[in-house]
Amino acid sequence: MGLKDKMLYLYCRHRPSKSHIQMATAFMPSAGYFGAAAFLALVYYTDWKIIAGYIPLYNTKFPKPEEKEKK
């Protein structure tokens, strides 16, 4: 029994019903918001300067490098 046959067996045996598909699609916006909040929490707690520099009000924590004046 090859990998393709095993995957086909699992798909046929555990095929999602219409109600399961409807519940999964209804959950997608909540999952997206949760993922975005988790990403922002990760950036906040790790001080990831590359990303945190673009967050309004939070980017004031990092000083901007001053450019040298040309003479």
PDB file of N, CA and C in Angstrom:
ATOM      1  N   MET A   1       0.857  -1.169   0.000  1.00  0.00           N
ATOM      2  CA  MET A   1       0.000   0.000   0.000  1.00  0.00           C
ATOM      3  C   MET A   1       0.903   1.232   0.000  1.00  0.00           C
ATOM      4  N   GLY A   2       0.818   2.026  -1.046  1.00  0.00           N
ATOM      5  CA  GLY A   2       1.653   3.207  -1.182  1.00  0.00           C
ATOM      6  C   GLY A   2       1.080   4.403  -0.425  1.00  0.00           C
ATOM      7  N   LEU A   3       1.835   5.471  -0.432  1.00  0.00           N
ATOM      8  CA  LEU A   3       1.428   6.687   0.267  1.00  0.00           C
ATOM      9  C   LEU A   3       0.141   7.265  -0.328  1.00  0.00           C
ATOM     10  N   LYS A   4       0.034   7.203  -1.652  1.00  0.00           N
ATOM     11  CA  LYS A   4      -1.162   7.727  -2.315  1.00  0.00           C
ATOM     12  C   LYS A   4      -2.402   6.949  -1.878  1.00  0.00           C
ATOM     13  N   ASP A   5      -2.280   5.641  -1.776  1.00  0.00           N
ATOM     14  CA  ASP A   5      -3.413   4.815  -1.352  1.00  0.00           C
ATOM     15  C   ASP A   5      -3.787   5.093   0.095  1.00  0.00           C
ATOM     16  N   LYS A   6      -2.785   5.305   0.957  1.00  0.00           N
ATOM     17  CA  LYS A   6      -3.058   5.602   2.360  1.00  0.00           C
ATOM     18  C   LYS A   6      -3.780   6.941   2.510  1.00  0.00           C
ATOM     19  N   MET A   7      -3.324   7.950   1.761  1.00  0.00           N
ATOM     20  CA  MET A   7      -3.966   9.260   1.835  1.00  0.00           C
ATOM     21  C   MET A   7      -5.395   9.203   1.303  1.00  0.00           C
ATOM     22  N   LEU A   8      -5.602   8.465   0.230  1.00  0.00           N
ATOM     23  CA  LEU A   8      -6.940   8.312  -0.323  1.00  0.00           C
ATOM     24  C   LEU A   8      -7.847   7.585   0.664  1.00  0.00           C
ATOM     25  N   TYR A   9      -7.295   6.590   1.357  1.00  0.00           N
ATOM     26  CA  TYR A   9      -8.070   5.854   2.358  1.00  0.00           C
ATOM     27  C   TYR A   9      -8.481   6.782   3.494  1.00  0.00           C
ATOM     28  N   LEU A  10      -7.535   7.618   3.979  1.00  0.00           N
ATOM     29  CA  LEU A  10      -7.863   8.531   5.065  1.00  0.00           C
ATOM     30  C   LEU A  10      -8.879   9.575   4.619  1.00  0.00           C
ATOM     31  N   TYR A  11      -8.740  10.068   3.384  1.00  0.00           N
ATOM     32  CA  TYR A  11      -9.685  11.066   2.894  1.00  0.00           C
ATOM     33  C   TYR A  11     -11.079  10.476   2.768  1.00  0.00           C
ATOM     34  N   CYS A  12     -11.169   9.296   2.224  1.00  0.00           N
ATOM     35  CA  CYS A  12     -12.485   8.683   2.038  1.00  0.00           C
ATOM     36  C   CYS A  12     -13.119   8.304   3.364  1.00  0.00           C
ATOM     37  N   ARG A  13     -12.302   7.925   4.308  1.00  0.00           N
ATOM     38  CA  ARG A  13     -12.839   7.495   5.591  1.00  0.00           C
ATOM     39  C   ARG A  13     -13.255   8.687   6.451  1.00  0.00           C
ATOM     40  N   HIS A  14     -12.508   9.783   6.385  1.00  0.00           N
ATOM     41  CA  HIS A  14     -12.767  10.940   7.226  1.00  0.00           C
ATOM     42  C   HIS A  14     -13.171  12.153   6.394  1.00  0.00           C
ATOM     43  N   ARG A  15     -14.053  11.968   5.488  1.00  0.00           N
ATOM     44  CA  ARG A  15     -14.510  13.053   4.632  1.00  0.00           C
ATOM     45  C   ARG A  15     -15.371  14.015   5.449  1.00  0.00           C
ATOM     46  N   PRO A  16     -15.059  15.330   5.395  1.00  0.00           N
ATOM     47  CA  PRO A  16     -15.856  16.289   6.174  1.00  0.00           C
ATOM     48  C   PRO A  16     -17.256  16.439   5.601  1.00  0.00           C
ATOM     49  N   SER A  17     -18.217  16.558   6.505  1.00  0.00           N
ATOM     50  CA  SER A  17     -19.597  16.737   6.059  1.00  0.00           C
ATOM     51  C   SER A  17     -19.845  18.211   5.755  1.00  0.00           C
ATOM     52  N   LYS A  18     -21.020  18.497   5.241  1.00  0.00           N
ATOM     53  CA  LYS A  18     -21.377  19.866   4.882  1.00  0.00           C
ATOM     54  C   LYS A  18     -21.391  20.766   6.119  1.00  0.00           C
ATOM     55  N   SER A  19     -21.860  20.239   7.245  1.00  0.00           N
ATOM     56  CA  SER A  19     -21.905  21.052   8.467  1.00  0.00           C
ATOM     57  C   SER A  19     -20.494  21.353   8.980  1.00  0.00           C
ATOM     58  N   HIS A  20     -19.564  20.395   8.829  1.00  0.00           N
ATOM     59  CA  HIS A  20     -18.186  20.644   9.248  1.00  0.00           C
ATOM     60  C   HIS A  20     -17.538  21.735   8.391  1.00  0.00           C
ATOM     61  N   ILE A  21     -17.816  21.723   7.115  1.00  0.00           N
ATOM     62  CA  ILE A  21     -17.276  22.736   6.214  1.00  0.00           C
ATOM     63  C   ILE A  21     -17.852  24.111   6.552  1.00  0.00           C
ATOM     64  N   GLN A  22     -19.145  24.168   6.862  1.00  0.00           N
ATOM     65  CA  GLN A  22     -19.773  25.436   7.234  1.00  0.00           C
ATOM     66  C   GLN A  22     -19.189  25.976   8.541  1.00  0.00           C
ATOM     67  N   MET A  23     -18.947  25.095   9.510  1.00  0.00           N
ATOM     68  CA  MET A  23     -18.352  25.537  10.773  1.00  0.00           C
ATOM     69  C   MET A  23     -16.924  26.040  10.558  1.00  0.00           C
ATOM     70  N   ALA A  24     -16.167  25.379   9.699  1.00  0.00           N
ATOM     71  CA  ALA A  24     -14.789  25.801   9.434  1.00  0.00           C
ATOM     72  C   ALA A  24     -14.756  27.158   8.741  1.00  0.00           C
ATOM     73  N   THR A  25     -15.641  27.389   7.789  1.00  0.00           N
ATOM     74  CA  THR A  25     -15.656  28.683   7.104  1.00  0.00           C
ATOM     75  C   THR A  25     -16.155  29.797   8.029  1.00  0.00           C
ATOM     76  N   ALA A  26     -17.041  29.482   8.957  1.00  0.00           N
ATOM     77  CA  ALA A  26     -17.511  30.480   9.912  1.00  0.00           C
ATOM     78  C   ALA A  26     -16.408  30.842  10.913  1.00  0.00           C
ATOM     79  N   PHE A  27     -15.484  29.934  11.156  1.00  0.00           N
ATOM     80  CA  PHE A  27     -14.402  30.150  12.112  1.00  0.00           C
ATOM     81  C   PHE A  27     -13.231  30.926  11.508  1.00  0.00           C
ATOM     82  N   MET A  28     -13.149  31.026  10.184  1.00  0.00           N
ATOM     83  CA  MET A  28     -11.999  31.640   9.522  1.00  0.00           C
ATOM     84  C   MET A  28     -11.737  33.091   9.944  1.00  0.00           C
ATOM     85  N   PRO A  29     -12.727  33.989  10.030  1.00  0.00           N
ATOM     86  CA  PRO A  29     -12.415  35.356  10.478  1.00  0.00           C
ATOM     87  C   PRO A  29     -11.856  35.389  11.904  1.00  0.00           C
ATOM     88  N   SER A  30     -12.416  34.596  12.791  1.00  0.00           N
ATOM     89  CA  SER A  30     -11.917  34.551  14.166  1.00  0.00           C
ATOM     90  C   SER A  30     -10.487  34.033  14.212  1.00  0.00           C
ATOM     91  N   ALA A  31     -10.192  33.035  13.415  1.00  0.00           N
ATOM     92  CA  ALA A  31      -8.840  32.489  13.368  1.00  0.00           C
ATOM     93  C   ALA A  31      -7.864  33.519  12.819  1.00  0.00           C
ATOM     94  N   GLY A  32      -8.286  34.306  11.847  1.00  0.00           N
ATOM     95  CA  GLY A  32      -7.433  35.356  11.297  1.00  0.00           C
ATOM     96  C   GLY A  32      -7.130  36.438  12.322  1.00  0.00           C
ATOM     97  N   TYR A  33      -8.153  36.882  13.055  1.00  0.00           N
ATOM     98  CA  TYR A  33      -7.939  37.895  14.084  1.00  0.00           C
ATOM     99  C   TYR A  33      -7.051  37.359  15.201  1.00  0.00           C
ATOM    100  N   PHE A  34      -7.261  36.126  15.586  1.00  0.00           N
ATOM    101  CA  PHE A  34      -6.428  35.515  16.623  1.00  0.00           C
ATOM    102  C   PHE A  34      -4.973  35.426  16.159  1.00  0.00           C
ATOM    103  N   GLY A  35      -4.758  35.049  14.912  1.00  0.00           N
ATOM    104  CA  GLY A  35      -3.404  34.963  14.377  1.00  0.00           C
ATOM    105  C   GLY A  35      -2.724  36.323  14.322  1.00  0.00           C
ATOM    106  N   ALA A  36      -3.469  37.345  13.912  1.00  0.00           N
ATOM    107  CA  ALA A  36      -2.902  38.693  13.859  1.00  0.00           C
ATOM    108  C   ALA A  36      -2.550  39.195  15.260  1.00  0.00           C
ATOM    109  N   ALA A  37      -3.409  38.929  16.225  1.00  0.00           N
ATOM    110  CA  ALA A  37      -3.123  39.338  17.603  1.00  0.00           C
ATOM    111  C   ALA A  37      -1.916  38.586  18.162  1.00  0.00           C
ATOM    112  N   ALA A  38      -1.804  37.316  17.829  1.00  0.00           N
ATOM    113  CA  ALA A  38      -0.646  36.540  18.283  1.00  0.00           C
ATOM    114  C   ALA A  38       0.636  37.066  17.654  1.00  0.00           C
ATOM    115  N   PHE A  39       0.584  37.455  16.379  1.00  0.00           N
ATOM    116  CA  PHE A  39       1.760  38.010  15.714  1.00  0.00           C
ATOM    117  C   PHE A  39       2.172  39.330  16.353  1.00  0.00           C
ATOM    118  N   LEU A  40       1.204  40.208  16.640  1.00  0.00           N
ATOM    119  CA  LEU A  40       1.528  41.479  17.288  1.00  0.00           C
ATOM    120  C   LEU A  40       2.079  41.267  18.692  1.00  0.00           C
ATOM    121  N   ALA A  41       1.561  40.281  19.416  1.00  0.00           N
ATOM    122  CA  ALA A  41       2.105  39.967  20.742  1.00  0.00           C
ATOM    123  C   ALA A  41       3.540  39.467  20.628  1.00  0.00           C
ATOM    124  N   LEU A  42       3.821  38.667  19.632  1.00  0.00           N
ATOM    125  CA  LEU A  42       5.185  38.184  19.404  1.00  0.00           C
ATOM    126  C   LEU A  42       6.128  39.350  19.118  1.00  0.00           C
ATOM    127  N   VAL A  43       5.699  40.278  18.276  1.00  0.00           N
ATOM    128  CA  VAL A  43       6.526  41.446  17.952  1.00  0.00           C
ATOM    129  C   VAL A  43       6.730  42.310  19.188  1.00  0.00           C
ATOM    130  N   TYR A  44       5.689  42.485  19.993  1.00  0.00           N
ATOM    131  CA  TYR A  44       5.779  43.322  21.184  1.00  0.00           C
ATOM    132  C   TYR A  44       6.749  42.736  22.215  1.00  0.00           C
ATOM    133  N   TYR A  45       6.628  41.447  22.478  1.00  0.00           N
ATOM    134  CA  TYR A  45       7.450  40.843  23.525  1.00  0.00           C
ATOM    135  C   TYR A  45       8.881  40.567  23.092  1.00  0.00           C
ATOM    136  N   THR A  46       9.144  40.465  21.809  1.00  0.00           N
ATOM    137  CA  THR A  46      10.497  40.197  21.356  1.00  0.00           C
ATOM    138  C   THR A  46      11.218  41.457  20.888  1.00  0.00           C
ATOM    139  N   ASP A  47      10.526  42.605  20.828  1.00  0.00           N
ATOM    140  CA  ASP A  47      11.103  43.860  20.328  1.00  0.00           C
ATOM    141  C   ASP A  47      11.752  43.669  18.969  1.00  0.00           C
ATOM    142  N   TRP A  48      11.026  43.121  18.058  1.00  0.00           N
ATOM    143  CA  TRP A  48      11.499  42.880  16.699  1.00  0.00           C
ATOM    144  C   TRP A  48      11.508  44.225  15.979  1.00  0.00           C
ATOM    145  N   LYS A  49      12.657  44.894  15.959  1.00  0.00           N
ATOM    146  CA  LYS A  49      12.760  46.276  15.513  1.00  0.00           C
ATOM    147  C   LYS A  49      12.353  46.478  14.055  1.00  0.00           C
ATOM    148  N   ILE A  50      12.602  45.506  13.226  1.00  0.00           N
ATOM    149  CA  ILE A  50      12.279  45.651  11.807  1.00  0.00           C
ATOM    150  C   ILE A  50      10.773  45.827  11.612  1.00  0.00           C
ATOM    151  N   ILE A  51       9.984  45.052  12.335  1.00  0.00           N
ATOM    152  CA  ILE A  51       8.528  45.116  12.215  1.00  0.00           C
ATOM    153  C   ILE A  51       7.952  46.190  13.131  1.00  0.00           C
ATOM    154  N   ALA A  52       8.468  46.281  14.360  1.00  0.00           N
ATOM    155  CA  ALA A  52       7.916  47.223  15.345  1.00  0.00           C
ATOM    156  C   ALA A  52       8.146  48.667  14.939  1.00  0.00           C
ATOM    157  N   GLY A  53       9.068  48.936  14.039  1.00  0.00           N
ATOM    158  CA  GLY A  53       9.296  50.296  13.583  1.00  0.00           C
ATOM    159  C   GLY A  53       8.141  50.855  12.777  1.00  0.00           C
ATOM    160  N   TYR A  54       7.276  50.005  12.275  1.00  0.00           N
ATOM    161  CA  TYR A  54       6.133  50.446  11.469  1.00  0.00           C
ATOM    162  C   TYR A  54       4.827  50.523  12.268  1.00  0.00           C
ATOM    163  N   ILE A  55       4.847  50.146  13.542  1.00  0.00           N
ATOM    164  CA  ILE A  55       3.638  50.206  14.365  1.00  0.00           C
ATOM    165  C   ILE A  55       3.507  51.623  14.913  1.00  0.00           C
ATOM    166  N   PRO A  56       2.397  52.320  14.647  1.00  0.00           N
ATOM    167  CA  PRO A  56       2.243  53.694  15.128  1.00  0.00           C
ATOM    168  C   PRO A  56       2.286  53.758  16.657  1.00  0.00           C
ATOM    169  N   LEU A  57       2.845  54.822  17.168  1.00  0.00           N
ATOM    170  CA  LEU A  57       3.025  55.114  18.594  1.00  0.00           C
ATOM    171  C   LEU A  57       4.051  54.191  19.258  1.00  0.00           C
ATOM    172  N   TYR A  58       4.151  52.964  18.848  1.00  0.00           N
ATOM    173  CA  TYR A  58       5.131  52.051  19.449  1.00  0.00           C
ATOM    174  C   TYR A  58       6.514  52.303  18.863  1.00  0.00           C
ATOM    175  N   ASN A  59       6.578  52.860  17.650  1.00  0.00           N
ATOM    176  CA  ASN A  59       7.879  53.066  17.018  1.00  0.00           C
ATOM    177  C   ASN A  59       8.642  54.230  17.634  1.00  0.00           C
ATOM    178  N   THR A  60       8.041  55.012  18.535  1.00  0.00           N
ATOM    179  CA  THR A  60       8.771  56.083  19.206  1.00  0.00           C
ATOM    180  C   THR A  60       9.761  55.530  20.217  1.00  0.00           C
ATOM    181  N   LYS A  61       9.661  54.268  20.534  1.00  0.00           N
ATOM    182  CA  LYS A  61      10.579  53.625  21.460  1.00  0.00           C
ATOM    183  C   LYS A  61      11.988  53.536  20.866  1.00  0.00           C
ATOM    184  N   PHE A  62      12.068  53.436  19.565  1.00  0.00           N
ATOM    185  CA  PHE A  62      13.347  53.288  18.885  1.00  0.00           C
ATOM    186  C   PHE A  62      13.787  54.633  18.312  1.00  0.00           C
ATOM    187  N   PRO A  63      14.945  55.143  18.732  1.00  0.00           N
ATOM    188  CA  PRO A  63      15.389  56.447  18.194  1.00  0.00           C
ATOM    189  C   PRO A  63      15.773  56.333  16.724  1.00  0.00           C
ATOM    190  N   LYS A  64      15.487  57.385  15.983  1.00  0.00           N
ATOM    191  CA  LYS A  64      15.834  57.428  14.565  1.00  0.00           C
ATOM    192  C   LYS A  64      17.301  57.846  14.435  1.00  0.00           C
ATOM    193  N   PRO A  65      18.043  57.194  13.543  1.00  0.00           N
ATOM    194  CA  PRO A  65      19.438  57.609  13.364  1.00  0.00           C
ATOM    195  C   PRO A  65      19.491  58.976  12.685  1.00  0.00           C
ATOM    196  N   GLU A  66      20.320  59.838  13.236  1.00  0.00           N
ATOM    197  CA  GLU A  66      20.435  61.182  12.670  1.00  0.00           C
ATOM    198  C   GLU A  66      21.404  61.135  11.487  1.00  0.00           C
ATOM    199  N   GLU A  67      21.012  61.801  10.428  1.00  0.00           N
ATOM    200  CA  GLU A  67      21.877  61.841   9.247  1.00  0.00           C
ATOM    201  C   GLU A  67      22.933  62.912   9.440  1.00  0.00           C
ATOM    202  N   LYS A  68      24.113  62.630   8.919  1.00  0.00           N
ATOM    203  CA  LYS A  68      25.201  63.601   9.006  1.00  0.00           C
ATOM    204  C   LYS A  68      24.932  64.735   8.024  1.00  0.00           C
ATOM    205  N   GLU A  69      25.137  65.933   8.499  1.00  0.00           N
ATOM    206  CA  GLU A  69      24.905  67.091   7.636  1.00  0.00           C
ATOM    207  C   GLU A  69      26.053  67.221   6.645  1.00  0.00           C
ATOM    208  N   LYS A  70      25.715  67.510   5.403  1.00  0.00           N
ATOM    209  CA  LYS A  70      26.737  67.686   4.373  1.00  0.00           C
ATOM    210  C   LYS A  70      27.273  69.109   4.430  1.00  0.00           C
ATOM    211  N   LYS A  71      28.564  69.242   4.327  1.00  0.00           N
ATOM    212  CA  LYS A  71      29.189  70.573   4.374  1.00  0.00           C
ATOM    213  C   LYS A  71      29.341  71.173   3.011  1.00  0.00           C
TER     214      LYS A  71
END
